[in-house]
Amino acid sequence: MEVVNEVLLCFPTGSTYKYFEVILVDVAHTAIRNDPRINWLCNPVHKHRELRGLTSAGKKFRGLRGKGHTHQKNRPSRRATWKRNQTVSLRRYR
């Protein structure tokens, strides 16, 4: 079973719990392997997409939802951009 996508359903008032809808696909099933629209998921590069933050909820958590000129500095990640902007680069005496 591979995760195709996961979607955040709702935030409770205290946000103690978060509810997700997870869409799973059995990549070993012959109908999935023969369907050209979804058999891309059977390739080994798509293993554990949820662990690498490649689903919709993962991209939202990483701050990569937006597109366009206002979000072009968010790549490769929001935290890497923050670290790059906070680092002071000084010239070295040699």
PDB file of N, CA and C in Angstrom:
ATOM      1  N   MET A   1       0.841  -1.178   0.000  1.00  0.00           N
ATOM      2  CA  MET A   1       0.000   0.000   0.000  1.00  0.00           C
ATOM      3  C   MET A   1       0.891   1.247   0.000  1.00  0.00           C
ATOM      4  N   GLU A   2       0.616   2.130  -0.928  1.00  0.00           N
ATOM      5  CA  GLU A   2       1.336   3.393  -1.020  1.00  0.00           C
ATOM      6  C   GLU A   2       0.352   4.543  -0.836  1.00  0.00           C
ATOM      7  N   VAL A   3       0.837   5.617  -0.247  1.00  0.00           N
ATOM      8  CA  VAL A   3       0.004   6.793  -0.008  1.00  0.00           C
ATOM      9  C   VAL A   3       0.019   7.661  -1.258  1.00  0.00           C
ATOM     10  N   VAL A   4      -1.152   7.882  -1.838  1.00  0.00           N
ATOM     11  CA  VAL A   4      -1.268   8.769  -2.989  1.00  0.00           C
ATOM     12  C   VAL A   4      -1.352  10.209  -2.511  1.00  0.00           C
ATOM     13  N   ASN A   5      -2.213  10.447  -1.529  1.00  0.00           N
ATOM     14  CA  ASN A   5      -2.398  11.798  -1.037  1.00  0.00           C
ATOM     15  C   ASN A   5      -3.000  11.739   0.356  1.00  0.00           C
ATOM     16  N   GLU A   6      -2.816  12.811   1.100  1.00  0.00           N
ATOM     17  CA  GLU A   6      -3.471  12.959   2.388  1.00  0.00           C
ATOM     18  C   GLU A   6      -3.932  14.395   2.501  1.00  0.00           C
ATOM     19  N   VAL A   7      -5.131  14.564   3.045  1.00  0.00           N
ATOM     20  CA  VAL A   7      -5.767  15.875   3.105  1.00  0.00           C
ATOM     21  C   VAL A   7      -6.183  16.136   4.536  1.00  0.00           C
ATOM     22  N   LEU A   8      -5.899  17.331   5.027  1.00  0.00           N
ATOM     23  CA  LEU A   8      -6.333  17.737   6.355  1.00  0.00           C
ATOM     24  C   LEU A   8      -7.821  18.038   6.304  1.00  0.00           C
ATOM     25  N   LEU A   9      -8.606  17.334   7.115  1.00  0.00           N
ATOM     26  CA  LEU A   9     -10.057  17.494   7.057  1.00  0.00           C
ATOM     27  C   LEU A   9     -10.546  18.692   7.845  1.00  0.00           C
ATOM     28  N   CYS A  10     -10.152  18.813   9.124  1.00  0.00           N
ATOM     29  CA  CYS A  10     -10.655  19.928   9.925  1.00  0.00           C
ATOM     30  C   CYS A  10      -9.736  20.150  11.113  1.00  0.00           C
ATOM     31  N   PHE A  11      -9.786  21.368  11.634  1.00  0.00           N
ATOM     32  CA  PHE A  11      -9.086  21.711  12.861  1.00  0.00           C
ATOM     33  C   PHE A  11     -10.111  21.820  13.975  1.00  0.00           C
ATOM     34  N   PRO A  12      -9.972  21.058  15.043  1.00  0.00           N
ATOM     35  CA  PRO A  12     -10.845  21.285  16.197  1.00  0.00           C
ATOM     36  C   PRO A  12     -10.525  22.627  16.847  1.00  0.00           C
ATOM     37  N   THR A  13     -11.343  23.044  17.772  1.00  0.00           N
ATOM     38  CA  THR A  13     -11.181  24.371  18.360  1.00  0.00           C
ATOM     39  C   THR A  13      -9.867  24.493  19.122  1.00  0.00           C
ATOM     40  N   GLY A  14      -9.475  23.470  19.860  1.00  0.00           N
ATOM     41  CA  GLY A  14      -8.230  23.546  20.613  1.00  0.00           C
ATOM     42  C   GLY A  14      -7.028  23.064  19.841  1.00  0.00           C
ATOM     43  N   SER A  15      -7.241  22.535  18.661  1.00  0.00           N
ATOM     44  CA  SER A  15      -6.245  21.902  17.796  1.00  0.00           C
ATOM     45  C   SER A  15      -5.354  20.923  18.528  1.00  0.00           C
ATOM     46  N   THR A  16      -5.958  20.183  19.440  1.00  0.00           N
ATOM     47  CA  THR A  16      -5.249  19.083  20.079  1.00  0.00           C
ATOM     48  C   THR A  16      -5.140  17.911  19.119  1.00  0.00           C
ATOM     49  N   TYR A  17      -6.193  17.675  18.348  1.00  0.00           N
ATOM     50  CA  TYR A  17      -6.218  16.584  17.387  1.00  0.00           C
ATOM     51  C   TYR A  17      -6.380  17.142  15.984  1.00  0.00           C
ATOM     52  N   LYS A  18      -5.730  16.501  15.024  1.00  0.00           N
ATOM     53  CA  LYS A  18      -5.886  16.854  13.619  1.00  0.00           C
ATOM     54  C   LYS A  18      -6.345  15.602  12.886  1.00  0.00           C
ATOM     55  N   TYR A  19      -7.318  15.752  12.020  1.00  0.00           N
ATOM     56  CA  TYR A  19      -7.882  14.625  11.301  1.00  0.00           C
ATOM     57  C   TYR A  19      -7.489  14.706   9.830  1.00  0.00           C
ATOM     58  N   PHE A  20      -6.947  13.608   9.304  1.00  0.00           N
ATOM     59  CA  PHE A  20      -6.512  13.537   7.924  1.00  0.00           C
ATOM     60  C   PHE A  20      -7.292  12.456   7.191  1.00  0.00           C
ATOM     61  N   GLU A  21      -7.540  12.697   5.922  1.00  0.00           N
ATOM     62  CA  GLU A  21      -8.065  11.668   5.039  1.00  0.00           C
ATOM     63  C   GLU A  21      -6.891  11.174   4.203  1.00  0.00           C
ATOM     64  N   VAL A  22      -6.598   9.883   4.285  1.00  0.00           N
ATOM     65  CA  VAL A  22      -5.452   9.301   3.601  1.00  0.00           C
ATOM     66  C   VAL A  22      -5.959   8.393   2.486  1.00  0.00           C
ATOM     67  N   ILE A  23      -5.444   8.609   1.275  1.00  0.00           N
ATOM     68  CA  ILE A  23      -5.823   7.804   0.118  1.00  0.00           C
ATOM     69  C   ILE A  23      -4.691   6.822  -0.154  1.00  0.00           C
ATOM     70  N   LEU A  24      -4.988   5.534  -0.030  1.00  0.00           N
ATOM     71  CA  LEU A  24      -3.998   4.481  -0.214  1.00  0.00           C
ATOM     72  C   LEU A  24      -4.285   3.705  -1.493  1.00  0.00           C
ATOM     73  N   VAL A  25      -3.212   3.201  -2.120  1.00  0.00           N
ATOM     74  CA  VAL A  25      -3.330   2.391  -3.325  1.00  0.00           C
ATOM     75  C   VAL A  25      -2.465   1.152  -3.146  1.00  0.00           C
ATOM     76  N   ASP A  26      -3.031  -0.002  -3.489  1.00  0.00           N
ATOM     77  CA  ASP A  26      -2.285  -1.255  -3.445  1.00  0.00           C
ATOM     78  C   ASP A  26      -1.508  -1.385  -4.750  1.00  0.00           C
ATOM     79  N   VAL A  27      -0.195  -1.154  -4.706  1.00  0.00           N
ATOM     80  CA  VAL A  27       0.612  -1.154  -5.928  1.00  0.00           C
ATOM     81  C   VAL A  27       0.885  -2.561  -6.439  1.00  0.00           C
ATOM     82  N   ALA A  28       0.587  -3.579  -5.656  1.00  0.00           N
ATOM     83  CA  ALA A  28       0.783  -4.952  -6.109  1.00  0.00           C
ATOM     84  C   ALA A  28      -0.413  -5.477  -6.895  1.00  0.00           C
ATOM     85  N   HIS A  29      -1.514  -4.751  -6.914  1.00  0.00           N
ATOM     86  CA  HIS A  29      -2.721  -5.211  -7.603  1.00  0.00           C
ATOM     87  C   HIS A  29      -2.540  -5.065  -9.113  1.00  0.00           C
ATOM     88  N   THR A  30      -2.965  -6.071  -9.858  1.00  0.00           N
ATOM     89  CA  THR A  30      -2.758  -6.056 -11.310  1.00  0.00           C
ATOM     90  C   THR A  30      -3.561  -4.965 -12.008  1.00  0.00           C
ATOM     91  N   ALA A  31      -4.723  -4.623 -11.487  1.00  0.00           N
ATOM     92  CA  ALA A  31      -5.515  -3.554 -12.102  1.00  0.00           C
ATOM     93  C   ALA A  31      -4.809  -2.207 -11.971  1.00  0.00           C
ATOM     94  N   ILE A  32      -4.127  -1.987 -10.872  1.00  0.00           N
ATOM     95  CA  ILE A  32      -3.369  -0.745 -10.676  1.00  0.00           C
ATOM     96  C   ILE A  32      -2.146  -0.737 -11.587  1.00  0.00           C
ATOM     97  N   ARG A  33      -1.460  -1.851 -11.683  1.00  0.00           N
ATOM     98  CA  ARG A  33      -0.255  -1.945 -12.514  1.00  0.00           C
ATOM     99  C   ARG A  33      -0.563  -1.784 -14.001  1.00  0.00           C
ATOM    100  N   ASN A  34      -1.750  -2.191 -14.434  1.00  0.00           N
ATOM    101  CA  ASN A  34      -2.109  -2.106 -15.850  1.00  0.00           C
ATOM    102  C   ASN A  34      -2.775  -0.787 -16.227  1.00  0.00           C
ATOM    103  N   ASP A  35      -3.177   0.005 -15.251  1.00  0.00           N
ATOM    104  CA  ASP A  35      -3.847   1.277 -15.528  1.00  0.00           C
ATOM    105  C   ASP A  35      -2.794   2.352 -15.813  1.00  0.00           C
ATOM    106  N   PRO A  36      -2.740   2.911 -17.020  1.00  0.00           N
ATOM    107  CA  PRO A  36      -1.684   3.889 -17.324  1.00  0.00           C
ATOM    108  C   PRO A  36      -1.825   5.209 -16.588  1.00  0.00           C
ATOM    109  N   ARG A  37      -3.008   5.503 -16.027  1.00  0.00           N
ATOM    110  CA  ARG A  37      -3.187   6.770 -15.321  1.00  0.00           C
ATOM    111  C   ARG A  37      -2.600   6.746 -13.918  1.00  0.00           C
ATOM    112  N   ILE A  38      -2.445   5.562 -13.332  1.00  0.00           N
ATOM    113  CA  ILE A  38      -2.009   5.499 -11.937  1.00  0.00           C
ATOM    114  C   ILE A  38      -0.821   4.567 -11.726  1.00  0.00           C
ATOM    115  N   ASN A  39      -0.336   3.892 -12.778  1.00  0.00           N
ATOM    116  CA  ASN A  39       0.766   2.961 -12.555  1.00  0.00           C
ATOM    117  C   ASN A  39       2.107   3.660 -12.341  1.00  0.00           C
ATOM    118  N   TRP A  40       2.148   4.992 -12.430  1.00  0.00           N
ATOM    119  CA  TRP A  40       3.363   5.718 -12.072  1.00  0.00           C
ATOM    120  C   TRP A  40       3.710   5.505 -10.610  1.00  0.00           C
ATOM    121  N   LEU A  41       2.699   5.192  -9.809  1.00  0.00           N
ATOM    122  CA  LEU A  41       2.913   4.986  -8.379  1.00  0.00           C
ATOM    123  C   LEU A  41       3.654   3.686  -8.087  1.00  0.00           C
ATOM    124  N   CYS A  42       3.710   2.780  -9.056  1.00  0.00           N
ATOM    125  CA  CYS A  42       4.382   1.493  -8.862  1.00  0.00           C
ATOM    126  C   CYS A  42       5.896   1.602  -8.980  1.00  0.00           C
ATOM    127  N   ASN A  43       6.407   2.700  -9.517  1.00  0.00           N
ATOM    128  CA  ASN A  43       7.856   2.864  -9.646  1.00  0.00           C
ATOM    129  C   ASN A  43       8.501   2.982  -8.271  1.00  0.00           C
ATOM    130  N   PRO A  44       9.726   2.480  -8.127  1.00  0.00           N
ATOM    131  CA  PRO A  44      10.355   2.505  -6.795  1.00  0.00           C
ATOM    132  C   PRO A  44      10.693   3.899  -6.276  1.00  0.00           C
ATOM    133  N   VAL A  45      10.746   4.916  -7.145  1.00  0.00           N
ATOM    134  CA  VAL A  45      11.061   6.260  -6.666  1.00  0.00           C
ATOM    135  C   VAL A  45       9.911   6.876  -5.882  1.00  0.00           C
ATOM    136  N   HIS A  46       8.718   6.284  -5.968  1.00  0.00           N
ATOM    137  CA  HIS A  46       7.554   6.818  -5.271  1.00  0.00           C
ATOM    138  C   HIS A  46       7.282   6.107  -3.955  1.00  0.00           C
ATOM    139  N   LYS A  47       8.251   5.349  -3.464  1.00  0.00           N
ATOM    140  CA  LYS A  47       8.059   4.687  -2.179  1.00  0.00           C
ATOM    141  C   LYS A  47       8.144   5.718  -1.060  1.00  0.00           C
ATOM    142  N   HIS A  48       7.283   5.590  -0.099  1.00  0.00           N
ATOM    143  CA  HIS A  48       7.266   6.428   1.116  1.00  0.00           C
ATOM    144  C   HIS A  48       7.202   7.915   0.778  1.00  0.00           C
ATOM    145  N   ARG A  49       6.267   8.292  -0.071  1.00  0.00           N
ATOM    146  CA  ARG A  49       6.058   9.700  -0.399  1.00  0.00           C
ATOM    147  C   ARG A  49       5.654  10.487   0.835  1.00  0.00           C
ATOM    148  N   GLU A  50       4.895   9.843   1.736  1.00  0.00           N
ATOM    149  CA  GLU A  50       4.411  10.534   2.929  1.00  0.00           C
ATOM    150  C   GLU A  50       5.545  10.847   3.895  1.00  0.00           C
ATOM    151  N   LEU A  51       6.599  10.032   3.893  1.00  0.00           N
ATOM    152  CA  LEU A  51       7.718  10.277   4.800  1.00  0.00           C
ATOM    153  C   LEU A  51       8.594  11.425   4.318  1.00  0.00           C
ATOM    154  N   ARG A  52       8.568  11.701   3.029  1.00  0.00           N
ATOM    155  CA  ARG A  52       9.397  12.761   2.457  1.00  0.00           C
ATOM    156  C   ARG A  52       8.631  14.056   2.239  1.00  0.00           C
ATOM    157  N   GLY A  53       7.367  14.096   2.676  1.00  0.00           N
ATOM    158  CA  GLY A  53       6.580  15.323   2.577  1.00  0.00           C
ATOM    159  C   GLY A  53       6.152  15.654   1.169  1.00  0.00           C
ATOM    160  N   LEU A  54       5.834  14.662   0.344  1.00  0.00           N
ATOM    161  CA  LEU A  54       5.460  14.903  -1.044  1.00  0.00           C
ATOM    162  C   LEU A  54       3.959  14.885  -1.268  1.00  0.00           C
ATOM    163  N   THR A  55       3.185  14.657  -0.231  1.00  0.00           N
ATOM    164  CA  THR A  55       1.733  14.696  -0.362  1.00  0.00           C
ATOM    165  C   THR A  55       1.245  16.127  -0.159  1.00  0.00           C
ATOM    166  N   SER A  56      -0.040  16.330  -0.332  1.00  0.00           N
ATOM    167  CA  SER A  56      -0.603  17.677  -0.216  1.00  0.00           C
ATOM    168  C   SER A  56      -0.428  18.238   1.193  1.00  0.00           C
ATOM    169  N   ALA A  57      -0.698  17.414   2.205  1.00  0.00           N
ATOM    170  CA  ALA A  57      -0.545  17.878   3.584  1.00  0.00           C
ATOM    171  C   ALA A  57       0.922  18.111   3.924  1.00  0.00           C
ATOM    172  N   GLY A  58       1.807  17.303   3.363  1.00  0.00           N
ATOM    173  CA  GLY A  58       3.233  17.482   3.610  1.00  0.00           C
ATOM    174  C   GLY A  58       3.765  18.762   3.008  1.00  0.00           C
ATOM    175  N   LYS A  59       3.310  19.089   1.799  1.00  0.00           N
ATOM    176  CA  LYS A  59       3.746  20.330   1.168  1.00  0.00           C
ATOM    177  C   LYS A  59       3.199  21.550   1.897  1.00  0.00           C
ATOM    178  N   LYS A  60       1.989  21.431   2.433  1.00  0.00           N
ATOM    179  CA  LYS A  60       1.425  22.543   3.194  1.00  0.00           C
ATOM    180  C   LYS A  60       2.217  22.763   4.475  1.00  0.00           C
ATOM    181  N   PHE A  61       2.591  21.684   5.145  1.00  0.00           N
ATOM    182  CA  PHE A  61       3.368  21.793   6.373  1.00  0.00           C
ATOM    183  C   PHE A  61       4.740  22.391   6.102  1.00  0.00           C
ATOM    184  N   ARG A  62       5.322  22.076   4.963  1.00  0.00           N
ATOM    185  CA  ARG A  62       6.643  22.587   4.617  1.00  0.00           C
ATOM    186  C   ARG A  62       6.598  24.005   4.068  1.00  0.00           C
ATOM    187  N   GLY A  63       5.396  24.560   3.865  1.00  0.00           N
ATOM    188  CA  GLY A  63       5.273  25.929   3.380  1.00  0.00           C
ATOM    189  C   GLY A  63       5.484  26.051   1.888  1.00  0.00           C
ATOM    190  N   LEU A  64       5.199  25.002   1.119  1.00  0.00           N
ATOM    191  CA  LEU A  64       5.445  25.008  -0.316  1.00  0.00           C
ATOM    192  C   LEU A  64       4.153  25.033  -1.115  1.00  0.00           C
ATOM    193  N   ARG A  65       3.061  25.520  -0.552  1.00  0.00           N
ATOM    194  CA  ARG A  65       1.768  25.536  -1.231  1.00  0.00           C
ATOM    195  C   ARG A  65       1.708  26.628  -2.291  1.00  0.00           C
ATOM    196  N   GLY A  66       2.270  27.794  -2.014  1.00  0.00           N
ATOM    197  CA  GLY A  66       2.085  28.927  -2.910  1.00  0.00           C
ATOM    198  C   GLY A  66       2.981  28.871  -4.131  1.00  0.00           C
ATOM    199  N   LYS A  67       2.535  29.561  -5.189  1.00  0.00           N
ATOM    200  CA  LYS A  67       3.315  29.665  -6.419  1.00  0.00           C
ATOM    201  C   LYS A  67       3.347  31.126  -6.843  1.00  0.00           C
ATOM    202  N   GLY A  68       4.278  31.450  -7.706  1.00  0.00           N
ATOM    203  CA  GLY A  68       4.351  32.800  -8.231  1.00  0.00           C
ATOM    204  C   GLY A  68       5.497  33.586  -7.631  1.00  0.00           C
ATOM    205  N   HIS A  69       5.533  34.876  -7.952  1.00  0.00           N
ATOM    206  CA  HIS A  69       6.673  35.691  -7.555  1.00  0.00           C
ATOM    207  C   HIS A  69       6.717  35.959  -6.055  1.00  0.00           C
ATOM    208  N   THR A  70       5.616  35.815  -5.354  1.00  0.00           N
ATOM    209  CA  THR A  70       5.647  36.064  -3.910  1.00  0.00           C
ATOM    210  C   THR A  70       6.176  34.875  -3.125  1.00  0.00           C
ATOM    211  N   HIS A  71       6.263  33.712  -3.756  1.00  0.00           N
ATOM    212  CA  HIS A  71       6.712  32.510  -3.059  1.00  0.00           C
ATOM    213  C   HIS A  71       7.984  31.928  -3.651  1.00  0.00           C
ATOM    214  N   GLN A  72       8.656  32.649  -4.537  1.00  0.00           N
ATOM    215  CA  GLN A  72       9.783  32.044  -5.234  1.00  0.00           C
ATOM    216  C   GLN A  72      11.002  31.875  -4.334  1.00  0.00           C
ATOM    217  N   LYS A  73      11.049  32.528  -3.206  1.00  0.00           N
ATOM    218  CA  LYS A  73      12.182  32.372  -2.297  1.00  0.00           C
ATOM    219  C   LYS A  73      11.974  31.247  -1.296  1.00  0.00           C
ATOM    220  N   ASN A  74      10.847  30.548  -1.351  1.00  0.00           N
ATOM    221  CA  ASN A  74      10.564  29.490  -0.386  1.00  0.00           C
ATOM    222  C   ASN A  74      11.224  28.171  -0.731  1.00  0.00           C
ATOM    223  N   ARG A  75      11.849  28.055  -1.844  1.00  0.00           N
ATOM    224  CA  ARG A  75      12.477  26.807  -2.245  1.00  0.00           C
ATOM    225  C   ARG A  75      13.927  26.801  -1.779  1.00  0.00           C
ATOM    226  N   PRO A  76      14.555  25.712  -1.396  1.00  0.00           N
ATOM    227  CA  PRO A  76      14.048  24.358  -1.353  1.00  0.00           C
ATOM    228  C   PRO A  76      13.121  24.107  -0.184  1.00  0.00           C
ATOM    229  N   SER A  77      13.195  24.921   0.857  1.00  0.00           N
ATOM    230  CA  SER A  77      12.263  24.775   1.969  1.00  0.00           C
ATOM    231  C   SER A  77      12.176  26.111   2.689  1.00  0.00           C
ATOM    232  N   ARG A  78      11.136  26.265   3.464  1.00  0.00           N
ATOM    233  CA  ARG A  78      10.941  27.504   4.210  1.00  0.00           C
ATOM    234  C   ARG A  78      12.032  27.679   5.254  1.00  0.00           C
ATOM    235  N   ARG A  79      12.434  26.585   5.897  1.00  0.00           N
ATOM    236  CA  ARG A  79      13.454  26.666   6.941  1.00  0.00           C
ATOM    237  C   ARG A  79      14.846  26.925   6.362  1.00  0.00           C
ATOM    238  N   ALA A  80      15.133  26.348   5.206  1.00  0.00           N
ATOM    239  CA  ALA A  80      16.419  26.606   4.559  1.00  0.00           C
ATOM    240  C   ALA A  80      16.521  28.061   4.122  1.00  0.00           C
ATOM    241  N   THR A  81      15.414  28.637   3.674  1.00  0.00           N
ATOM    242  CA  THR A  81      15.399  30.045   3.294  1.00  0.00           C
ATOM    243  C   THR A  81      15.623  30.925   4.509  1.00  0.00           C
ATOM    244  N   TRP A  82      14.987  30.581   5.623  1.00  0.00           N
ATOM    245  CA  TRP A  82      15.172  31.367   6.842  1.00  0.00           C
ATOM    246  C   TRP A  82      16.623  31.303   7.297  1.00  0.00           C
ATOM    247  N   LYS A  83      17.212  30.109   7.262  1.00  0.00           N
ATOM    248  CA  LYS A  83      18.598  29.950   7.694  1.00  0.00           C
ATOM    249  C   LYS A  83      19.551  30.701   6.772  1.00  0.00           C
ATOM    250  N   ARG A  84      19.290  30.676   5.473  1.00  0.00           N
ATOM    251  CA  ARG A  84      20.130  31.384   4.519  1.00  0.00           C
ATOM    252  C   ARG A  84      20.061  32.890   4.743  1.00  0.00           C
ATOM    253  N   ASN A  85      18.884  33.400   5.084  1.00  0.00           N
ATOM    254  CA  ASN A  85      18.734  34.837   5.307  1.00  0.00           C
ATOM    255  C   ASN A  85      19.299  35.285   6.644  1.00  0.00           C
ATOM    256  N   GLN A  86      19.386  34.390   7.627  1.00  0.00           N
ATOM    257  CA  GLN A  86      19.881  34.751   8.945  1.00  0.00           C
ATOM    258  C   GLN A  86      21.388  34.579   9.088  1.00  0.00           C
ATOM    259  N   THR A  87      22.032  33.912   8.150  1.00  0.00           N
ATOM    260  CA  THR A  87      23.460  33.649   8.239  1.00  0.00           C
ATOM    261  C   THR A  87      24.239  34.875   7.785  1.00  0.00           C
ATOM    262  N   VAL A  88      25.237  35.253   8.571  1.00  0.00           N
ATOM    263  CA  VAL A  88      26.089  36.376   8.231  1.00  0.00           C
ATOM    264  C   VAL A  88      27.335  35.828   7.547  1.00  0.00           C
ATOM    265  N   SER A  89      27.635  36.329   6.368  1.00  0.00           N
ATOM    266  CA  SER A  89      28.802  35.894   5.615  1.00  0.00           C
ATOM    267  C   SER A  89      29.872  36.970   5.728  1.00  0.00           C
ATOM    268  N   LEU A  90      30.986  36.626   6.335  1.00  0.00           N
ATOM    269  CA  LEU A  90      32.075  37.574   6.552  1.00  0.00           C
ATOM    270  C   LEU A  90      33.291  37.171   5.725  1.00  0.00           C
ATOM    271  N   ARG A  91      34.042  38.164   5.268  1.00  0.00           N
ATOM    272  CA  ARG A  91      35.254  37.887   4.509  1.00  0.00           C
ATOM    273  C   ARG A  91      36.342  37.414   5.451  1.00  0.00           C
ATOM    274  N   ARG A  92      37.162  36.504   4.985  1.00  0.00           N
ATOM    275  CA  ARG A  92      38.220  35.937   5.815  1.00  0.00           C
ATOM    276  C   ARG A  92      39.564  36.538   5.424  1.00  0.00           C
ATOM    277  N   TYR A  93      40.398  36.777   6.445  1.00  0.00           N
ATOM    278  CA  TYR A  93      41.757  37.254   6.205  1.00  0.00           C
ATOM    279  C   TYR A  93      42.658  36.047   6.004  1.00  0.00           C
ATOM    280  N   ARG A  94      43.408  36.041   4.921  1.00  0.00           N
ATOM    281  CA  ARG A  94      44.295  34.900   4.653  1.00  0.00           C
ATOM    282  C   ARG A  94      45.700  35.385   4.439  1.00  0.00           C
TER     283      ARG A  94
END
